[in-house]
Amino acid sequence: MKHVGLSPYIGSGSHVHRGEKYRFLVLERFGQDLGKLFLQNGRRFPLKTVLYLGIQIVSMSKQSNLLILYNCNM
């Protein structure tokens, strides 16, 4: 598959903690994560960054049928 902007896949699974089931995905880490960058930028991203991320997500989901949900209410 062509480049989709994701690190190589390592593994995934689920875990139950305090009665709640959580799913996880393990990827290699390259640089800072989006959550930290979001907080460092005052919980806002420049429009250019939002558009770039949107393009990457749509491109990736079209190629792999993957749905990504990100909670911005940290």
C-alpha atoms as a PDB file:
ATOM      1  CA  MET A   1       0.000   0.000   0.000  1.00  0.00           C
ATOM      2  CA  LYS A   2       1.250   3.526  -0.726  1.00  0.00           C
ATOM      3  CA  HIS A   3       2.168   5.911   2.061  1.00  0.00           C
ATOM      4  CA  VAL A   4      -0.853   6.711   4.233  1.00  0.00           C
ATOM      5  CA  GLY A   5       0.886   8.704   6.958  1.00  0.00           C
ATOM      6  CA  LEU A   6       0.912   5.999   9.634  1.00  0.00           C
ATOM      7  CA  SER A   7       3.740   4.388  11.524  1.00  0.00           C
ATOM      8  CA  PRO A   8       4.252   0.655  11.047  1.00  0.00           C
ATOM      9  CA  TYR A   9       1.658  -1.452  12.871  1.00  0.00           C
ATOM     10  CA  ILE A  10       2.962  -3.324  15.933  1.00  0.00           C
ATOM     11  CA  GLY A  11      -0.180  -4.720  17.528  1.00  0.00           C
ATOM     12  CA  SER A  12      -3.669  -4.118  18.923  1.00  0.00           C
ATOM     13  CA  GLY A  13      -6.118  -5.569  21.386  1.00  0.00           C
ATOM     14  CA  SER A  14      -8.463  -4.775  24.231  1.00  0.00           C
ATOM     15  CA  HIS A  15      -8.201  -4.377  27.987  1.00  0.00           C
ATOM     16  CA  VAL A  16     -10.802  -4.204  30.760  1.00  0.00           C
ATOM     17  CA  HIS A  17     -10.164  -1.627  33.488  1.00  0.00           C
ATOM     18  CA  ARG A  18     -12.675  -0.992  36.290  1.00  0.00           C
ATOM     19  CA  GLY A  19     -15.410  -2.699  34.334  1.00  0.00           C
ATOM     20  CA  GLU A  20     -14.843  -0.669  31.141  1.00  0.00           C
ATOM     21  CA  LYS A  21     -13.443  -2.243  28.000  1.00  0.00           C
ATOM     22  CA  TYR A  22     -10.765  -0.265  26.161  1.00  0.00           C
ATOM     23  CA  ARG A  23      -9.333  -1.020  22.735  1.00  0.00           C
ATOM     24  CA  PHE A  24      -5.776  -0.070  21.860  1.00  0.00           C
ATOM     25  CA  LEU A  25      -3.491   0.178  18.858  1.00  0.00           C
ATOM     26  CA  VAL A  26       0.306   0.101  19.113  1.00  0.00           C
ATOM     27  CA  LEU A  27       2.354   1.996  16.506  1.00  0.00           C
ATOM     28  CA  GLU A  28       5.927   3.252  16.394  1.00  0.00           C
ATOM     29  CA  ARG A  29       6.254   6.777  17.727  1.00  0.00           C
ATOM     30  CA  PHE A  30       7.738   9.519  15.589  1.00  0.00           C
ATOM     31  CA  GLY A  31       8.071  12.894  17.339  1.00  0.00           C
ATOM     32  CA  GLN A  32       5.421  14.425  19.572  1.00  0.00           C
ATOM     33  CA  ASP A  33       1.852  13.157  19.607  1.00  0.00           C
ATOM     34  CA  LEU A  34      -1.127  15.241  18.496  1.00  0.00           C
ATOM     35  CA  GLY A  35      -2.507  15.499  22.016  1.00  0.00           C
ATOM     36  CA  LYS A  36       0.637  17.178  23.337  1.00  0.00           C
ATOM     37  CA  LEU A  37       0.852  19.522  20.357  1.00  0.00           C
ATOM     38  CA  PHE A  38      -2.822  20.403  20.817  1.00  0.00           C
ATOM     39  CA  LEU A  39      -2.260  21.325  24.467  1.00  0.00           C
ATOM     40  CA  GLN A  40       0.958  23.242  23.715  1.00  0.00           C
ATOM     41  CA  ASN A  41      -0.926  25.350  21.165  1.00  0.00           C
ATOM     42  CA  GLY A  42      -3.575  26.467  23.680  1.00  0.00           C
ATOM     43  CA  ARG A  43      -6.014  23.716  22.659  1.00  0.00           C
ATOM     44  CA  ARG A  44      -6.145  25.076  19.112  1.00  0.00           C
ATOM     45  CA  PHE A  45      -4.521  24.148  15.839  1.00  0.00           C
ATOM     46  CA  PRO A  46      -3.877  26.551  12.974  1.00  0.00           C
ATOM     47  CA  LEU A  47      -6.291  26.089  10.057  1.00  0.00           C
ATOM     48  CA  LYS A  48      -3.463  24.772   7.855  1.00  0.00           C
ATOM     49  CA  THR A  49      -2.731  22.021  10.406  1.00  0.00           C
ATOM     50  CA  VAL A  50      -6.415  21.040  10.695  1.00  0.00           C
ATOM     51  CA  LEU A  51      -6.791  20.830   6.926  1.00  0.00           C
ATOM     52  CA  TYR A  52      -3.578  18.813   6.558  1.00  0.00           C
ATOM     53  CA  LEU A  53      -4.665  16.336   9.262  1.00  0.00           C
ATOM     54  CA  GLY A  54      -8.106  16.045   7.663  1.00  0.00           C
ATOM     55  CA  ILE A  55      -6.582  15.211   4.288  1.00  0.00           C
ATOM     56  CA  GLN A  56      -4.327  12.581   5.878  1.00  0.00           C
ATOM     57  CA  ILE A  57      -7.219  10.982   7.799  1.00  0.00           C
ATOM     58  CA  VAL A  58      -9.551  10.870   4.787  1.00  0.00           C
ATOM     59  CA  SER A  59      -6.785   9.485   2.580  1.00  0.00           C
ATOM     60  CA  MET A  60      -5.921   6.817   5.132  1.00  0.00           C
ATOM     61  CA  SER A  61      -9.533   5.818   5.847  1.00  0.00           C
ATOM     62  CA  LYS A  62     -10.280   5.459   2.116  1.00  0.00           C
ATOM     63  CA  GLN A  63      -7.310   3.134   1.649  1.00  0.00           C
ATOM     64  CA  SER A  64      -7.749   0.988   4.734  1.00  0.00           C
ATOM     65  CA  ASN A  65     -11.422   1.368   5.768  1.00  0.00           C
ATOM     66  CA  LEU A  66     -10.134   2.612   9.148  1.00  0.00           C
ATOM     67  CA  LEU A  67     -12.178   4.974  11.285  1.00  0.00           C
ATOM     68  CA  ILE A  68     -10.270   7.258  13.665  1.00  0.00           C
ATOM     69  CA  LEU A  69     -11.992   9.077  16.506  1.00  0.00           C
ATOM     70  CA  TYR A  70     -10.131  11.760  18.440  1.00  0.00           C
ATOM     71  CA  ASN A  71     -11.590  13.362  21.559  1.00  0.00           C
ATOM     72  CA  CYS A  72     -10.727  17.081  21.581  1.00  0.00           C
ATOM     73  CA  ASN A  73     -12.359  17.597  24.998  1.00  0.00           C
ATOM     74  CA  MET A  74      -9.200  16.770  26.963  1.00  0.00           C
END
